[in-house]
C-alpha atoms as a PDB file:
ATOM      1  CA  MET A   1      17.623  21.645-258.382  1.00  0.00           C
ATOM      2  CA  ILE A   2      14.394  21.860-260.369  1.00  0.00           C
ATOM      3  CA  ARG A   3      11.538  20.773-258.099  1.00  0.00           C
ATOM      4  CA  VAL A   4       8.788  18.905-259.983  1.00  0.00           C
ATOM      5  CA  LEU A   5       5.314  17.796-258.910  1.00  0.00           C
ATOM      6  CA  ILE A   6       3.669  15.075-261.039  1.00  0.00           C
ATOM      7  CA  VAL A   7      -0.131  15.135-261.362  1.00  0.00           C
ATOM      8  CA  ASP A   8      -1.575  12.042-263.045  1.00  0.00           C
ATOM      9  CA  ASP A   9      -4.371   9.629-262.163  1.00  0.00           C
ATOM     10  CA  SER A  10      -2.352   6.644-263.430  1.00  0.00           C
ATOM     11  CA  ALA A  11      -0.032   5.102-260.815  1.00  0.00           C
ATOM     12  CA  LEU A  12       2.005   3.603-263.676  1.00  0.00           C
ATOM     13  CA  MET A  13       2.533   7.019-265.315  1.00  0.00           C
ATOM     14  CA  ARG A  14       3.406   8.632-261.971  1.00  0.00           C
ATOM     15  CA  SER A  15       6.002   5.918-261.422  1.00  0.00           C
ATOM     16  CA  LEU A  16       7.422   6.173-264.963  1.00  0.00           C
ATOM     17  CA  LEU A  17       7.652   9.977-264.926  1.00  0.00           C
ATOM     18  CA  THR A  18       9.235   9.907-261.461  1.00  0.00           C
ATOM     19  CA  GLU A  19      11.839   7.364-262.593  1.00  0.00           C
ATOM     20  CA  ILE A  20      12.699   9.334-265.749  1.00  0.00           C
ATOM     21  CA  LEU A  21      12.928  12.732-264.098  1.00  0.00           C
ATOM     22  CA  SER A  22      14.827  11.446-261.052  1.00  0.00           C
ATOM     23  CA  SER A  23      17.529  10.151-263.408  1.00  0.00           C
ATOM     24  CA  ALA A  24      18.491  13.752-264.207  1.00  0.00           C
ATOM     25  CA  PRO A  25      21.026  15.153-261.710  1.00  0.00           C
ATOM     26  CA  ASP A  26      19.412  18.605-261.667  1.00  0.00           C
ATOM     27  CA  ILE A  27      15.759  17.508-261.231  1.00  0.00           C
ATOM     28  CA  GLU A  28      14.055  16.431-258.004  1.00  0.00           C
ATOM     29  CA  VAL A  29      10.535  14.972-258.009  1.00  0.00           C
ATOM     30  CA  VAL A  30       9.207  16.421-254.769  1.00  0.00           C
ATOM     31  CA  GLY A  31       5.885  14.604-254.914  1.00  0.00           C
ATOM     32  CA  SER A  32       2.962  13.355-256.962  1.00  0.00           C
ATOM     33  CA  ALA A  33      -0.817  13.627-256.921  1.00  0.00           C
ATOM     34  CA  GLN A  34      -3.536  11.432-258.397  1.00  0.00           C
ATOM     35  CA  ASP A  35      -6.031  14.244-258.936  1.00  0.00           C
ATOM     36  CA  PRO A  36      -6.227  18.064-258.916  1.00  0.00           C
ATOM     37  CA  TYR A  37      -7.646  18.271-255.373  1.00  0.00           C
ATOM     38  CA  VAL A  38      -4.623  16.467-253.938  1.00  0.00           C
ATOM     39  CA  ALA A  39      -2.380  18.463-256.291  1.00  0.00           C
ATOM     40  CA  ARG A  40      -3.722  21.754-254.950  1.00  0.00           C
ATOM     41  CA  GLU A  41      -2.684  20.852-251.392  1.00  0.00           C
ATOM     42  CA  ARG A  42       0.707  19.512-252.464  1.00  0.00           C
ATOM     43  CA  ILE A  43       1.502  22.651-254.473  1.00  0.00           C
ATOM     44  CA  LYS A  44       0.930  24.686-251.288  1.00  0.00           C
ATOM     45  CA  ALA A  45       2.997  22.309-249.146  1.00  0.00           C
ATOM     46  CA  LEU A  46       5.862  21.531-251.558  1.00  0.00           C
ATOM     47  CA  ASN A  47       6.211  24.722-253.645  1.00  0.00           C
ATOM     48  CA  PRO A  48       7.351  23.006-256.879  1.00  0.00           C
ATOM     49  CA  ASP A  49       9.062  24.870-259.731  1.00  0.00           C
ATOM     50  CA  VAL A  50       7.325  22.904-262.504  1.00  0.00           C
ATOM     51  CA  LEU A  51       4.144  20.841-262.723  1.00  0.00           C
ATOM     52  CA  THR A  52       3.460  17.945-265.081  1.00  0.00           C
ATOM     53  CA  LEU A  53      -0.296  17.670-265.589  1.00  0.00           C
ATOM     54  CA  ASP A  54      -2.387  14.893-267.104  1.00  0.00           C
ATOM     55  CA  VAL A  55      -5.055  16.293-269.415  1.00  0.00           C
ATOM     56  CA  GLU A  56      -7.730  13.731-268.509  1.00  0.00           C
ATOM     57  CA  MET A  57      -8.389  13.082-264.810  1.00  0.00           C
ATOM     58  CA  PRO A  58     -11.314  12.182-262.533  1.00  0.00           C
ATOM     59  CA  ARG A  59     -13.036  14.590-260.100  1.00  0.00           C
ATOM     60  CA  MET A  60     -11.710  17.686-261.916  1.00  0.00           C
ATOM     61  CA  ASP A  61     -10.440  17.720-265.492  1.00  0.00           C
ATOM     62  CA  GLY A  62      -6.970  19.030-266.271  1.00  0.00           C
ATOM     63  CA  LEU A  63      -8.242  22.113-268.121  1.00  0.00           C
ATOM     64  CA  THR A  64     -10.389  23.321-265.219  1.00  0.00           C
ATOM     65  CA  PHE A  65      -7.497  22.810-262.830  1.00  0.00           C
ATOM     66  CA  LEU A  66      -5.074  24.601-265.177  1.00  0.00           C
ATOM     67  CA  ARG A  67      -7.443  27.540-265.603  1.00  0.00           C
ATOM     68  CA  ASN A  68      -7.697  27.927-261.816  1.00  0.00           C
ATOM     69  CA  LEU A  69      -3.963  27.464-261.339  1.00  0.00           C
ATOM     70  CA  MET A  70      -3.051  30.166-263.873  1.00  0.00           C
ATOM     71  CA  ARG A  71      -5.443  32.560-262.172  1.00  0.00           C
ATOM     72  CA  LEU A  72      -4.441  31.872-258.559  1.00  0.00           C
ATOM     73  CA  ARG A  73      -0.822  30.654-258.682  1.00  0.00           C
ATOM     74  CA  PRO A  74       0.737  30.880-262.162  1.00  0.00           C
ATOM     75  CA  MET A  75       3.608  28.441-262.672  1.00  0.00           C
ATOM     76  CA  PRO A  76       5.221  26.537-265.553  1.00  0.00           C
ATOM     77  CA  VAL A  77       3.100  23.530-266.539  1.00  0.00           C
ATOM     78  CA  VAL A  78       4.021  20.753-268.977  1.00  0.00           C
ATOM     79  CA  MET A  79       0.949  18.812-270.102  1.00  0.00           C
ATOM     80  CA  VAL A  80       1.109  15.015-270.425  1.00  0.00           C
ATOM     81  CA  SER A  81      -1.272  14.062-273.219  1.00  0.00           C
ATOM     82  CA  SER A  82      -2.682  10.880-274.683  1.00  0.00           C
ATOM     83  CA  LEU A  83      -2.119  10.307-278.394  1.00  0.00           C
ATOM     84  CA  THR A  84      -5.795  10.600-279.242  1.00  0.00           C
ATOM     85  CA  GLU A  85      -7.918  13.131-281.083  1.00  0.00           C
ATOM     86  CA  GLN A  86      -9.529  14.179-277.799  1.00  0.00           C
ATOM     87  CA  GLY A  87      -6.104  14.391-276.137  1.00  0.00           C
ATOM     88  CA  ALA A  88      -4.864  16.652-278.943  1.00  0.00           C
ATOM     89  CA  GLU A  89      -7.857  19.005-278.667  1.00  0.00           C
ATOM     90  CA  VAL A  90      -7.524  19.313-274.883  1.00  0.00           C
ATOM     91  CA  THR A  91      -3.763  19.822-275.093  1.00  0.00           C
ATOM     92  CA  LEU A  92      -4.146  22.694-277.562  1.00  0.00           C
ATOM     93  CA  GLN A  93      -6.704  24.279-275.231  1.00  0.00           C
ATOM     94  CA  ALA A  94      -4.198  23.883-272.379  1.00  0.00           C
ATOM     95  CA  LEU A  95      -1.526  25.725-274.375  1.00  0.00           C
ATOM     96  CA  GLU A  96      -4.104  28.444-275.004  1.00  0.00           C
ATOM     97  CA  LEU A  97      -4.652  28.708-271.240  1.00  0.00           C
ATOM     98  CA  GLY A  98      -0.942  29.114-270.527  1.00  0.00           C
ATOM     99  CA  ALA A  99       0.723  25.679-270.327  1.00  0.00           C
ATOM    100  CA  VAL A 100       4.251  26.085-271.684  1.00  0.00           C
ATOM    101  CA  ASP A 101       4.591  22.742-273.503  1.00  0.00           C
ATOM    102  CA  PHE A 102       3.400  19.140-273.681  1.00  0.00           C
ATOM    103  CA  VAL A 103       4.635  15.580-274.055  1.00  0.00           C
ATOM    104  CA  CYS A 104       2.634  12.594-275.222  1.00  0.00           C
ATOM    105  CA  LYS A 105       2.272   9.494-273.080  1.00  0.00           C
ATOM    106  CA  PRO A 106       4.559   6.746-274.391  1.00  0.00           C
ATOM    107  CA  LYS A 107       2.635   3.795-275.774  1.00  0.00           C
ATOM    108  CA  GLY A 108       4.123   0.512-276.906  1.00  0.00           C
ATOM    109  CA  VAL A 109       7.565   2.016-277.521  1.00  0.00           C
ATOM    110  CA  SER A 110      10.904   0.249-277.654  1.00  0.00           C
ATOM    111  CA  ALA A 111      13.754   0.686-275.172  1.00  0.00           C
ATOM    112  CA  GLU A 112      15.286   3.156-277.631  1.00  0.00           C
ATOM    113  CA  GLY A 113      11.949   4.955-277.850  1.00  0.00           C
ATOM    114  CA  ILE A 114      11.782   5.275-274.058  1.00  0.00           C
ATOM    115  CA  ARG A 115      15.321   6.738-274.037  1.00  0.00           C
ATOM    116  CA  ASP A 116      14.282   9.330-276.622  1.00  0.00           C
ATOM    117  CA  TYR A 117      11.114  10.046-274.649  1.00  0.00           C
ATOM    118  CA  ALA A 118      13.126  10.497-271.448  1.00  0.00           C
ATOM    119  CA  GLU A 119      15.525  12.931-273.137  1.00  0.00           C
ATOM    120  CA  ASP A 120      12.614  14.932-274.551  1.00  0.00           C
ATOM    121  CA  LEU A 121      10.763  15.074-271.210  1.00  0.00           C
ATOM    122  CA  ILE A 122      13.852  16.119-269.248  1.00  0.00           C
ATOM    123  CA  GLU A 123      14.703  18.786-271.827  1.00  0.00           C
ATOM    124  CA  LYS A 124      11.176  20.218-271.643  1.00  0.00           C
ATOM    125  CA  ILE A 125      11.157  20.257-267.828  1.00  0.00           C
ATOM    126  CA  ARG A 126      14.502  22.084-267.796  1.00  0.00           C
ATOM    127  CA  LEU A 127      13.203  24.623-270.272  1.00  0.00           C
ATOM    128  CA  ALA A 128       9.908  25.078-268.404  1.00  0.00           C
ATOM    129  CA  ALA A 129      11.807  25.853-265.211  1.00  0.00           C
ATOM    130  CA  THR A 130      13.398  28.874-266.898  1.00  0.00           C
ATOM    131  CA  LEU A 131      10.087  30.330-268.084  1.00  0.00           C
ATOM    132  CA  LYS A 132       7.612  32.634-266.421  1.00  0.00           C
ATOM    133  CA  PRO A 133       3.988  31.908-267.283  1.00  0.00           C
ATOM    134  CA  ARG A 134       2.549  34.730-269.343  1.00  0.00           C
ATOM    135  CA  PRO A 135      -1.040  35.477-270.241  1.00  0.00           C
ATOM    136  CA  HIS A 136      -1.723  34.754-273.873  1.00  0.00           C
ATOM    137  CA  PRO A 137      -3.429  37.480-275.926  1.00  0.00           C
ATOM    138  CA  SER A 138      -7.114  36.750-276.222  1.00  0.00           C
ATOM    139  CA  ALA A 139      -8.569  35.836-279.577  1.00  0.00           C
ATOM    140  CA  ALA A 140     -11.143  38.570-279.122  1.00  0.00           C
ATOM    141  CA  ALA A 141      -8.424  41.203-278.860  1.00  0.00           C
ATOM    142  CA  ALA A 142      -6.892  40.261-282.181  1.00  0.00           C
ATOM    143  CA  SER A 143      -9.828  38.971-284.204  1.00  0.00           C
ATOM    144  CA  GLY A 144     -11.162  42.394-285.158  1.00  0.00           C
ATOM    145  CA  LEU A 145      -7.887  43.351-286.787  1.00  0.00           C
ATOM    146  CA  ALA A 146      -8.082  41.008-289.765  1.00  0.00           C
ATOM    147  CA  GLN A 147     -11.516  41.691-291.234  1.00  0.00           C
ATOM    148  CA  ARG A 148     -10.488  44.283-293.826  1.00  0.00           C
ATOM    149  CA  LYS A 149      -9.451  42.980-297.244  1.00  0.00           C
ATOM    150  CA  LEU A 150      -6.290  43.966-299.029  1.00  0.00           C
ATOM    151  CA  ALA A 151      -6.414  46.911-301.403  1.00  0.00           C
ATOM    152  CA  ALA A 152      -5.876  45.847-304.999  1.00  0.00           C
ATOM    153  CA  GLY A 153      -2.172  45.637-305.736  1.00  0.00           C
ATOM    154  CA  ALA A 154      -1.241  46.491-302.135  1.00  0.00           C
ATOM    155  CA  VAL A 155       0.794  43.335-301.594  1.00  0.00           C
ATOM    156  CA  SER A 156       3.297  41.900-304.038  1.00  0.00           C
ATOM    157  CA  VAL A 157       4.294  38.960-301.822  1.00  0.00           C
ATOM    158  CA  GLN A 158       2.928  35.735-303.358  1.00  0.00           C
ATOM    159  CA  LEU A 159       3.720  33.292-300.572  1.00  0.00           C
ATOM    160  CA  LEU A 160       4.058  33.531-296.782  1.00  0.00           C
ATOM    161  CA  ALA A 161       5.999  30.989-294.703  1.00  0.00           C
ATOM    162  CA  ILE A 162       5.956  30.548-290.927  1.00  0.00           C
ATOM    163  CA  GLY A 163       8.015  28.269-288.690  1.00  0.00           C
ATOM    164  CA  ALA A 164       7.731  27.682-284.934  1.00  0.00           C
ATOM    165  CA  SER A 165       8.235  25.217-282.091  1.00  0.00           C
ATOM    166  CA  THR A 166       7.744  25.664-278.323  1.00  0.00           C
ATOM    167  CA  GLY A 167       5.006  28.243-277.778  1.00  0.00           C
ATOM    168  CA  GLY A 168       4.292  28.221-281.497  1.00  0.00           C
ATOM    169  CA  THR A 169       0.667  27.101-281.579  1.00  0.00           C
ATOM    170  CA  GLU A 170      -0.434  30.307-279.856  1.00  0.00           C
ATOM    171  CA  ALA A 171       2.078  32.505-281.716  1.00  0.00           C
ATOM    172  CA  ILE A 172       0.932  31.157-285.089  1.00  0.00           C
ATOM    173  CA  LYS A 173      -2.677  31.771-284.085  1.00  0.00           C
ATOM    174  CA  GLU A 174      -1.953  35.423-283.365  1.00  0.00           C
ATOM    175  CA  VAL A 175      -0.280  35.909-286.763  1.00  0.00           C
ATOM    176  CA  LEU A 176      -3.132  34.167-288.621  1.00  0.00           C
ATOM    177  CA  LEU A 177      -5.761  36.162-286.701  1.00  0.00           C
ATOM    178  CA  ARG A 178      -4.169  39.367-287.990  1.00  0.00           C
ATOM    179  CA  LEU A 179      -4.008  38.295-291.653  1.00  0.00           C
ATOM    180  CA  PRO A 180      -6.905  39.358-293.899  1.00  0.00           C
ATOM    181  CA  PRO A 181      -9.105  36.642-295.443  1.00  0.00           C
ATOM    182  CA  ASP A 182      -7.574  37.223-298.905  1.00  0.00           C
ATOM    183  CA  ALA A 183      -3.940  37.083-297.747  1.00  0.00           C
ATOM    184  CA  PRO A 184      -1.357  35.285-299.909  1.00  0.00           C
ATOM    185  CA  GLY A 185      -1.170  31.535-299.288  1.00  0.00           C
ATOM    186  CA  VAL A 186       0.580  30.604-296.035  1.00  0.00           C
ATOM    187  CA  VAL A 187       2.694  27.484-295.445  1.00  0.00           C
ATOM    188  CA  ILE A 188       3.469  26.516-291.854  1.00  0.00           C
ATOM    189  CA  ALA A 189       5.915  24.150-290.159  1.00  0.00           C
ATOM    190  CA  GLN A 190       5.186  23.743-286.446  1.00  0.00           C
ATOM    191  CA  HIS A 191       6.977  21.022-284.472  1.00  0.00           C
ATOM    192  CA  ILE A 192       3.991  18.841-283.521  1.00  0.00           C
ATOM    193  CA  PRO A 193       3.233  15.101-283.332  1.00  0.00           C
ATOM    194  CA  PRO A 194       1.038  13.196-285.812  1.00  0.00           C
ATOM    195  CA  GLY A 195      -2.646  13.670-285.007  1.00  0.00           C
ATOM    196  CA  PHE A 196      -2.045  16.920-283.161  1.00  0.00           C
ATOM    197  CA  SER A 197      -1.444  18.778-286.422  1.00  0.00           C
ATOM    198  CA  ALA A 198      -4.962  17.912-287.643  1.00  0.00           C
ATOM    199  CA  ALA A 199      -6.484  19.195-284.390  1.00  0.00           C
ATOM    200  CA  PHE A 200      -4.338  22.330-284.602  1.00  0.00           C
ATOM    201  CA  ALA A 201      -5.447  22.991-288.184  1.00  0.00           C
ATOM    202  CA  ARG A 202      -9.110  22.574-287.209  1.00  0.00           C
ATOM    203  CA  ARG A 203      -8.751  25.041-284.322  1.00  0.00           C
ATOM    204  CA  MET A 204      -7.041  27.609-286.539  1.00  0.00           C
ATOM    205  CA  ASN A 205      -9.722  27.169-289.197  1.00  0.00           C
ATOM    206  CA  GLN A 206     -12.448  27.845-286.607  1.00  0.00           C
ATOM    207  CA  GLN A 207     -10.709  30.801-284.959  1.00  0.00           C
ATOM    208  CA  THR A 208      -9.202  32.784-287.850  1.00  0.00           C
ATOM    209  CA  GLY A 209     -10.484  34.386-291.051  1.00  0.00           C
ATOM    210  CA  LEU A 210      -8.432  32.064-293.266  1.00  0.00           C
ATOM    211  CA  VAL A 211      -9.178  28.570-294.530  1.00  0.00           C
ATOM    212  CA  VAL A 212      -6.674  26.531-292.505  1.00  0.00           C
ATOM    213  CA  LYS A 213      -6.000  22.846-293.127  1.00  0.00           C
ATOM    214  CA  GLU A 214      -3.368  20.162-293.004  1.00  0.00           C
ATOM    215  CA  ALA A 215      -1.348  20.223-296.189  1.00  0.00           C
ATOM    216  CA  GLU A 216      -1.928  17.420-298.702  1.00  0.00           C
ATOM    217  CA  ASP A 217       0.647  16.184-301.176  1.00  0.00           C
ATOM    218  CA  GLY A 218       0.229  17.856-304.585  1.00  0.00           C
ATOM    219  CA  GLU A 219      -2.280  20.393-303.285  1.00  0.00           C
ATOM    220  CA  ARG A 220      -2.282  23.799-304.960  1.00  0.00           C
ATOM    221  CA  ILE A 221      -1.567  26.747-302.631  1.00  0.00           C
ATOM    222  CA  ARG A 222      -4.337  29.349-302.825  1.00  0.00           C
ATOM    223  CA  ARG A 223      -4.884  32.865-301.502  1.00  0.00           C
ATOM    224  CA  GLY A 224      -6.752  33.053-298.222  1.00  0.00           C
ATOM    225  CA  HIS A 225      -5.579  29.557-297.274  1.00  0.00           C
ATOM    226  CA  ALA A 226      -3.003  28.333-294.738  1.00  0.00           C
ATOM    227  CA  TYR A 227      -1.414  24.880-294.974  1.00  0.00           C
ATOM    228  CA  ILE A 228       0.036  23.202-291.871  1.00  0.00           C
ATOM    229  CA  ALA A 229       2.646  20.463-292.213  1.00  0.00           C
ATOM    230  CA  PRO A 230       1.210  17.173-290.902  1.00  0.00           C
ATOM    231  CA  GLY A 231       3.054  15.684-287.931  1.00  0.00           C
ATOM    232  CA  ASP A 232       5.905  13.368-289.021  1.00  0.00           C
ATOM    233  CA  TYR A 233       5.975  14.782-292.589  1.00  0.00           C
ATOM    234  CA  HIS A 234       8.216  17.411-294.132  1.00  0.00           C
ATOM    235  CA  LEU A 235       6.325  20.078-296.049  1.00  0.00           C
ATOM    236  CA  ARG A 236       8.023  21.510-299.121  1.00  0.00           C
ATOM    237  CA  VAL A 237       6.789  24.036-301.682  1.00  0.00           C
ATOM    238  CA  ARG A 238       7.318  23.504-305.396  1.00  0.00           C
ATOM    239  CA  CYS A 239       6.612  25.882-308.268  1.00  0.00           C
ATOM    240  CA  GLU A 240       4.648  24.080-310.973  1.00  0.00           C
ATOM    241  CA  GLY A 241       3.748  26.245-313.942  1.00  0.00           C
ATOM    242  CA  SER A 242       2.137  29.439-312.700  1.00  0.00           C
ATOM    243  CA  HIS A 243       1.299  28.242-309.199  1.00  0.00           C
ATOM    244  CA  TYR A 244       2.812  26.758-306.043  1.00  0.00           C
ATOM    245  CA  VAL A 245       1.985  23.301-304.684  1.00  0.00           C
ATOM    246  CA  CYS A 246       2.551  21.466-301.399  1.00  0.00           C
ATOM    247  CA  ARG A 247       4.773  18.410-301.404  1.00  0.00           C
ATOM    248  CA  LEU A 248       4.975  16.014-298.436  1.00  0.00           C
ATOM    249  CA  ASP A 249       7.596  13.395-297.697  1.00  0.00           C
ATOM    250  CA  GLN A 250       9.029  11.361-294.844  1.00  0.00           C
ATOM    251  CA  SER A 251      12.703  11.791-295.648  1.00  0.00           C
ATOM    252  CA  GLU A 252      15.134  11.897-292.721  1.00  0.00           C
ATOM    253  CA  PRO A 253      14.445  14.359-289.893  1.00  0.00           C
ATOM    254  CA  VAL A 254      16.426  17.605-290.082  1.00  0.00           C
ATOM    255  CA  ASN A 255      17.639  19.145-286.800  1.00  0.00           C
ATOM    256  CA  ARG A 256      15.898  16.141-285.176  1.00  0.00           C
ATOM    257  CA  HIS A 257      12.551  17.345-286.522  1.00  0.00           C
ATOM    258  CA  ARG A 258       9.995  16.173-289.081  1.00  0.00           C
ATOM    259  CA  PRO A 259       8.425  18.518-290.068  1.00  0.00           C
ATOM    260  CA  SER A 260      11.489  20.736-290.117  1.00  0.00           C
ATOM    261  CA  VAL A 261      11.267  24.494-290.521  1.00  0.00           C
ATOM    262  CA  ASP A 262      14.581  24.537-292.393  1.00  0.00           C
ATOM    263  CA  VAL A 263      13.210  22.060-294.959  1.00  0.00           C
ATOM    264  CA  LEU A 264      10.142  24.257-295.545  1.00  0.00           C
ATOM    265  CA  PHE A 265      12.133  27.501-295.729  1.00  0.00           C
ATOM    266  CA  TRP A 266      14.754  26.071-298.114  1.00  0.00           C
ATOM    267  CA  SER A 267      11.992  24.910-300.454  1.00  0.00           C
ATOM    268  CA  VAL A 268      10.262  28.318-300.344  1.00  0.00           C
ATOM    269  CA  ALA A 269      13.593  30.012-301.109  1.00  0.00           C
ATOM    270  CA  GLU A 270      13.998  27.806-304.191  1.00  0.00           C
ATOM    271  CA  ALA A 271      10.377  27.992-305.376  1.00  0.00           C
ATOM    272  CA  ALA A 272       9.477  31.618-304.635  1.00  0.00           C
ATOM    273  CA  GLY A 273      12.634  33.472-303.564  1.00  0.00           C
ATOM    274  CA  ALA A 274      12.038  37.219-303.643  1.00  0.00           C
ATOM    275  CA  LYS A 275       8.285  36.696-304.080  1.00  0.00           C
ATOM    276  CA  SER A 276       8.029  35.322-300.535  1.00  0.00           C
ATOM    277  CA  ALA A 277       8.110  36.578-296.953  1.00  0.00           C
ATOM    278  CA  ALA A 278       8.841  34.433-293.913  1.00  0.00           C
ATOM    279  CA  ALA A 279       8.705  34.627-290.126  1.00  0.00           C
ATOM    280  CA  LEU A 280      10.535  32.453-287.605  1.00  0.00           C
ATOM    281  CA  LEU A 281       8.612  32.423-284.337  1.00  0.00           C
ATOM    282  CA  THR A 282       9.198  31.195-280.788  1.00  0.00           C
ATOM    283  CA  GLY A 283      10.870  27.824-280.340  1.00  0.00           C
ATOM    284  CA  MET A 284      13.675  25.854-278.726  1.00  0.00           C
ATOM    285  CA  GLY A 285      16.816  25.021-280.708  1.00  0.00           C
ATOM    286  CA  ALA A 286      17.992  26.324-284.065  1.00  0.00           C
ATOM    287  CA  ASP A 287      15.649  24.765-286.660  1.00  0.00           C
ATOM    288  CA  GLY A 288      14.693  27.364-289.269  1.00  0.00           C
ATOM    289  CA  ALA A 289      17.586  29.761-288.660  1.00  0.00           C
ATOM    290  CA  GLU A 290      19.632  28.546-291.627  1.00  0.00           C
ATOM    291  CA  GLY A 291      16.531  28.322-293.818  1.00  0.00           C
ATOM    292  CA  LEU A 292      15.593  31.893-292.964  1.00  0.00           C
ATOM    293  CA  LYS A 293      19.115  32.981-293.898  1.00  0.00           C
ATOM    294  CA  THR A 294      18.790  31.223-297.271  1.00  0.00           C
ATOM    295  CA  LEU A 295      15.471  32.998-297.835  1.00  0.00           C
ATOM    296  CA  ARG A 296      17.074  36.375-297.120  1.00  0.00           C
ATOM    297  CA  GLU A 297      19.923  35.596-299.497  1.00  0.00           C
ATOM    298  CA  GLN A 298      17.340  34.756-302.199  1.00  0.00           C
ATOM    299  CA  GLY A 299      15.655  38.142-301.797  1.00  0.00           C
ATOM    300  CA  ALA A 300      12.774  37.195-299.467  1.00  0.00           C
ATOM    301  CA  TYR A 301      11.631  39.488-296.678  1.00  0.00           C
ATOM    302  CA  THR A 302      12.539  37.767-293.390  1.00  0.00           C
ATOM    303  CA  ILE A 303      11.382  38.343-289.812  1.00  0.00           C
ATOM    304  CA  ALA A 304      12.402  36.895-286.453  1.00  0.00           C
ATOM    305  CA  GLN A 305      10.086  37.239-283.475  1.00  0.00           C
ATOM    306  CA  ASP A 306      11.662  39.358-280.737  1.00  0.00           C
ATOM    307  CA  GLU A 307      12.788  37.971-277.387  1.00  0.00           C
ATOM    308  CA  ALA A 308      10.252  39.889-275.301  1.00  0.00           C
ATOM    309  CA  THR A 309       7.216  38.261-276.945  1.00  0.00           C
ATOM    310  CA  SER A 310       8.731  34.787-277.489  1.00  0.00           C
ATOM    311  CA  VAL A 311       8.042  31.966-275.047  1.00  0.00           C
ATOM    312  CA  VAL A 312      11.511  30.652-276.002  1.00  0.00           C
ATOM    313  CA  TRP A 313      13.958  32.787-277.978  1.00  0.00           C
ATOM    314  CA  GLY A 314      15.943  29.827-279.284  1.00  0.00           C
ATOM    315  CA  MET A 315      15.094  29.549-282.983  1.00  0.00           C
ATOM    316  CA  PRO A 316      14.453  33.251-283.680  1.00  0.00           C
ATOM    317  CA  GLY A 317      17.446  34.227-281.537  1.00  0.00           C
ATOM    318  CA  GLU A 318      19.704  31.940-283.551  1.00  0.00           C
ATOM    319  CA  ALA A 319      18.346  33.452-286.773  1.00  0.00           C
ATOM    320  CA  VAL A 320      19.234  36.922-285.502  1.00  0.00           C
ATOM    321  CA  ARG A 321      22.755  35.781-284.570  1.00  0.00           C
ATOM    322  CA  ARG A 322      23.257  34.389-288.098  1.00  0.00           C
ATOM    323  CA  GLY A 323      22.060  37.578-289.773  1.00  0.00           C
ATOM    324  CA  ALA A 324      19.032  35.817-291.231  1.00  0.00           C
ATOM    325  CA  ALA A 325      16.382  38.366-290.237  1.00  0.00           C
ATOM    326  CA  ILE A 326      15.831  41.703-291.962  1.00  0.00           C
ATOM    327  CA  GLU A 327      13.650  42.709-289.022  1.00  0.00           C
ATOM    328  CA  VAL A 328      13.176  41.569-285.417  1.00  0.00           C
ATOM    329  CA  LEU A 329       9.597  42.332-284.415  1.00  0.00           C
ATOM    330  CA  PRO A 330       7.143  41.770-281.549  1.00  0.00           C
ATOM    331  CA  LEU A 331       4.511  39.144-282.296  1.00  0.00           C
ATOM    332  CA  PRO A 332       1.577  41.565-282.838  1.00  0.00           C
ATOM    333  CA  ALA A 333       3.493  43.399-285.599  1.00  0.00           C
ATOM    334  CA  ILE A 334       4.495  40.344-287.644  1.00  0.00           C
ATOM    335  CA  ALA A 335       1.368  39.797-289.764  1.00  0.00           C
ATOM    336  CA  THR A 336       1.310  43.351-291.144  1.00  0.00           C
ATOM    337  CA  ALA A 337       5.055  43.262-291.773  1.00  0.00           C
ATOM    338  CA  LEU A 338       4.744  39.987-293.709  1.00  0.00           C
ATOM    339  CA  LEU A 339       2.156  41.549-296.004  1.00  0.00           C
ATOM    340  CA  GLN A 340       4.297  44.626-296.608  1.00  0.00           C
ATOM    341  CA  GLY A 341       7.444  42.557-296.937  1.00  0.00           C
ATOM    342  CA  LEU A 342       8.656  43.393-300.406  1.00  0.00           C
ATOM    343  CA  GLU A 343       8.037  47.118-299.997  1.00  0.00           C
ATOM    344  CA  MET A 344       9.955  47.200-296.677  1.00  0.00           C
ATOM    345  CA  LYS A 345      12.857  44.981-297.829  1.00  0.00           C
ATOM    346  CA  HIS A 346      16.369  46.378-297.765  1.00  0.00           C
END
């Protein structure tokens, strides 16, 4: 049984989360707490396997509590976030501090929506229970590596593509930190809700040497820029004349996801083929594995993140099993390999 402690200042949310999680035969809600001070005592008394943690609470905010928890008693934490701009910012900071994943609080959803929410929450709790919290590399450690510019003619790749899911916001940050400010244009599909993608793009723009933004429909892809698929939109790349452009649409989800990594990778394979390089990073499921294989077949240089540095080796592991990756690399090596992609291809 997976033992879960729920920390939330809302009695309604504590009740809802308890009801949802208790419906799973392999999950036991061992207790709940209305604030971090009570939570601290109940963690000692109940020894849970996984914690759900509200990001906004009285007496001590969720981030302060999480920072202390990861220092004194590291354990898997799934953040429960409000669908607000502030909630998105705090949630991304929580992932930076070591939370393994997050869910948004349901708001005005249908019975079908609650069923989907319950399935998602239970799946994330099960996954969290299998993970060991790991310290994330500090921005300071990586930031000095990306200041040099590319030598003229050193890189023949014209387009870089990155896909990720669980654990991906921090993995993407590490790759972007290690890219020089004049790197080829980067297109990114990260499984993330609407609103959170804008906050994620802002954080990456502040923390890396690239210009990072949410992609806009029809926008030209430029060197030194990274374009993140907005939540609930597929991002595709099209070749128009002598340049590449972003195209957004809300066609059906693929592999249950919108944005889908497969959708992005298939479009890059068609638009850029052998002039592109792509990396599939940490994430649950198989989204992106088939797209990475298509890219390899079209002559692109393809990378899967290795198991040791992945929070979840689902998506990259599936890509390796399908023969989609030319190389399987640890996260710190991926940025350099992407830039050297065409020279290293075999």
